[in-house]
């Protein structure tokens, strides 16, 4: 036994107080639950089919948060989140190509020189390489920039020229430190 809470039983209602919904947009949860409590009261008073026939997404339409233009507000989850795995493999491919094709040993002096010239960071632990200016950018821009860089490297361009072309095509500015 776990103290006093072990004796309490779960309260089960004849008709639930809400229905689960899934949305990628923000909504007022209190408003949603208050509407369903009213529906529950009506179902208890008249007929329980009222609750079961109510579409939760039609109720949800009444509860969405909207911006000044009347558009739905997104939850903020990145839309292209499924692309992180692809980005990681591209970053790994860039690091492998640079370390093998240019025979750069992961020496701190060589990596520091390369970073100072190009702002290309090579993570030795993960065996990945990424441009410094893309780290805070959305996943789509990061992926496009690094794919362009990888294509340029595969054509035989020098590292600095390939990075310059990738920056120009994807509008990623070189930040002087």
Protein backbone atom coordinates (compact mmCIF):
# COMPACT_ATOMS: atom_id res chain seq x y z
CA UNK A 1 0.00 0.00 0.00
CA UNK A 2 1.16 3.49 -0.77
CA UNK A 3 -0.46 5.44 1.99
CA UNK A 4 -3.85 7.10 1.81
CA UNK A 5 -4.05 7.35 -2.00
CA UNK A 6 -4.27 3.57 -2.41
CA UNK A 7 -7.82 3.58 -1.03
CA UNK A 8 -9.11 6.17 -3.51
CA UNK A 9 -10.89 4.83 -6.56
CA UNK A 10 -10.85 6.41 -9.94
CA UNK A 11 -14.06 8.25 -10.72
CA UNK A 12 -15.61 7.06 -13.93
CA UNK A 13 -18.31 9.11 -15.56
CA UNK A 14 -21.14 7.65 -17.57
CA UNK A 15 -20.29 10.25 -20.20
CA UNK A 16 -16.70 11.60 -20.36
CA UNK A 17 -15.99 15.28 -19.79
CA UNK A 18 -13.95 15.73 -23.00
CA UNK A 19 -12.68 14.10 -26.19
CA UNK A 20 -9.03 13.99 -27.12
CA UNK A 21 -7.93 16.03 -30.12
CA UNK A 22 -4.61 16.44 -31.88
CA UNK A 23 -3.67 19.69 -33.54
CA UNK A 24 -0.57 21.45 -34.81
CA UNK A 25 -2.19 24.80 -34.06
CA UNK A 26 -2.62 26.59 -30.74
CA UNK A 27 -6.05 26.55 -29.13
CA UNK A 28 -7.68 27.68 -25.89
CA UNK A 29 -7.82 24.51 -23.79
CA UNK A 30 -10.10 26.05 -21.14
CA UNK A 31 -12.60 27.12 -23.78
CA UNK A 32 -12.46 23.66 -25.37
CA UNK A 33 -13.05 21.86 -22.06
CA UNK A 34 -15.85 24.25 -21.02
CA UNK A 35 -17.68 23.58 -24.30
CA UNK A 36 -17.37 19.83 -23.75
CA UNK A 37 -18.59 20.14 -20.17
CA UNK A 38 -21.72 21.83 -21.53
CA UNK A 39 -22.10 19.06 -24.10
CA UNK A 40 -21.71 16.49 -21.32
CA UNK A 41 -24.43 18.23 -19.28
CA UNK A 42 -26.78 18.22 -22.28
CA UNK A 43 -26.01 14.54 -22.94
CA UNK A 44 -26.73 13.62 -19.34
CA UNK A 45 -29.96 15.59 -19.38
CA UNK A 46 -31.36 14.46 -22.76
CA UNK A 47 -29.51 11.69 -24.57
CA UNK A 48 -25.94 10.37 -24.32
CA UNK A 49 -25.70 10.17 -28.12
CA UNK A 50 -25.35 13.96 -28.13
CA UNK A 51 -21.86 13.55 -26.68
CA UNK A 52 -20.82 10.66 -28.91
CA UNK A 53 -22.08 12.28 -32.11
CA UNK A 54 -20.28 15.55 -31.41
CA UNK A 55 -17.23 15.94 -33.63
CA UNK A 56 -14.35 17.20 -31.45
CA UNK A 57 -12.65 18.92 -34.38
CA UNK A 58 -15.72 21.05 -35.06
CA UNK A 59 -15.58 22.15 -31.43
CA UNK A 60 -11.86 22.74 -31.82
CA UNK A 61 -12.53 25.11 -34.75
CA UNK A 62 -14.23 27.42 -32.27
CA UNK A 63 -11.24 27.40 -29.93
CA UNK A 64 -8.24 28.10 -32.19
CA UNK A 65 -5.98 31.05 -31.42
CA UNK A 66 -5.59 33.41 -34.36
CA UNK A 67 -3.13 36.20 -35.20
CA UNK A 68 -3.97 39.73 -36.36
CA UNK A 69 -4.66 38.58 -39.93
CA UNK A 70 -7.03 35.84 -38.73
CA UNK A 71 -4.62 32.99 -39.52
CA UNK A 72 -4.19 30.05 -37.17
CA UNK A 73 -1.13 30.19 -34.93
CA UNK A 74 1.20 27.26 -35.36
CA UNK A 75 2.44 25.47 -32.24
CA UNK A 76 5.99 26.34 -33.22
CA UNK A 77 7.18 22.86 -34.02
CA UNK A 78 9.41 22.94 -37.02
CA UNK A 79 7.54 21.73 -40.09
CA UNK A 80 10.53 19.91 -41.55
CA UNK A 81 11.63 18.20 -38.37
CA UNK A 82 11.82 14.85 -40.17
CA UNK A 83 14.80 16.21 -42.14
CA UNK A 84 17.21 16.25 -39.17
CA UNK A 85 18.36 12.72 -39.93
CA UNK A 86 19.10 13.73 -43.54
CA UNK A 87 21.00 16.81 -42.32
CA UNK A 88 23.11 14.69 -39.99
CA UNK A 89 24.06 12.33 -42.80
CA UNK A 90 24.97 15.25 -45.10
CA UNK A 91 27.13 16.82 -42.37
CA UNK A 92 28.84 13.47 -41.85
CA UNK A 93 29.43 13.09 -45.58
CA UNK A 94 31.02 16.57 -45.74
CA UNK A 95 33.34 15.77 -42.83
CA UNK A 96 34.31 12.40 -44.33
CA UNK A 97 35.01 13.95 -47.71
CA UNK A 98 37.16 16.75 -46.29
CA UNK A 99 39.11 14.51 -43.92
CA UNK A 100 39.74 11.82 -46.55
CA UNK A 101 40.06 13.76 -49.83
CA UNK A 102 42.28 16.46 -48.39
CA UNK A 103 44.01 14.10 -45.97
CA UNK A 104 43.44 16.51 -43.13
CA UNK A 105 44.27 14.84 -39.89
CA UNK A 106 42.08 16.07 -37.05
CA UNK A 107 44.90 18.29 -35.88
CA UNK A 108 43.78 21.32 -33.84
CA UNK A 109 46.05 23.76 -35.77
CA UNK A 110 44.79 22.68 -39.19
CA UNK A 111 41.16 22.70 -38.05
CA UNK A 112 41.60 26.16 -36.48
CA UNK A 113 43.16 27.49 -39.72
CA UNK A 114 40.28 26.03 -41.77
CA UNK A 115 37.73 27.53 -39.38
CA UNK A 116 39.35 30.99 -39.49
CA UNK A 117 39.26 30.98 -43.32
CA UNK A 118 35.83 29.46 -43.90
CA UNK A 119 33.91 29.22 -40.59
CA UNK A 120 33.55 25.50 -41.21
CA UNK A 121 33.36 23.62 -37.92
CA UNK A 122 34.47 20.00 -37.91
CA UNK A 123 33.12 18.06 -34.95
CA UNK A 124 35.56 15.26 -34.33
CA UNK A 125 33.33 13.36 -31.91
CA UNK A 126 30.34 13.10 -34.28
CA UNK A 127 32.47 13.19 -37.45
CA UNK A 128 30.39 16.04 -38.89
CA UNK A 129 31.20 19.40 -40.50
CA UNK A 130 28.93 22.45 -40.48
CA UNK A 131 29.11 26.12 -41.38
CA UNK A 132 29.00 28.33 -38.30
CA UNK A 133 26.45 30.77 -39.73
CA UNK A 134 23.88 28.05 -40.42
CA UNK A 135 23.68 26.69 -36.88
CA UNK A 136 20.78 28.92 -35.79
CA UNK A 137 18.95 28.81 -39.12
CA UNK A 138 15.85 26.76 -39.94
CA UNK A 139 16.43 23.17 -40.97
CA UNK A 140 15.47 23.78 -44.61
CA UNK A 141 18.16 26.43 -45.11
CA UNK A 142 20.77 24.36 -43.28
CA UNK A 143 20.05 21.31 -45.39
CA UNK A 144 20.01 23.21 -48.69
CA UNK A 145 23.29 24.99 -47.88
CA UNK A 146 25.14 21.84 -46.91
CA UNK A 147 23.83 19.81 -49.85
CA UNK A 148 25.06 22.57 -52.16
CA UNK A 149 28.42 22.50 -50.39
CA UNK A 150 28.65 18.73 -50.71
CA UNK A 151 27.81 18.86 -54.43
CA UNK A 152 30.51 21.47 -54.99
CA UNK A 153 33.06 19.37 -53.13
CA UNK A 154 32.15 16.29 -55.18
CA UNK A 155 32.82 18.22 -58.41
CA UNK A 156 36.39 18.70 -57.23
CA UNK A 157 36.30 22.32 -56.04
CA UNK A 158 38.59 23.54 -53.33
CA UNK A 159 37.02 23.83 -49.88
CA UNK A 160 37.06 27.65 -49.80
CA UNK A 161 35.52 28.01 -53.28
CA UNK A 162 32.85 25.39 -52.56
CA UNK A 163 31.87 27.15 -49.33
CA UNK A 164 31.77 30.51 -51.10
CA UNK A 165 29.42 29.16 -53.80
CA UNK A 166 27.19 27.43 -51.20
CA UNK A 167 26.95 30.71 -49.25
CA UNK A 168 26.04 32.70 -52.37
CA UNK A 169 23.39 30.22 -53.61
CA UNK A 170 21.71 29.94 -50.22
CA UNK A 171 22.15 33.58 -49.06
CA UNK A 172 24.22 32.69 -45.98
CA UNK A 173 26.50 35.61 -45.14
CA UNK A 174 30.01 35.19 -43.78
CA UNK A 175 30.09 36.74 -40.32
CA UNK A 176 33.46 38.26 -39.55
CA UNK A 177 34.57 37.54 -36.04
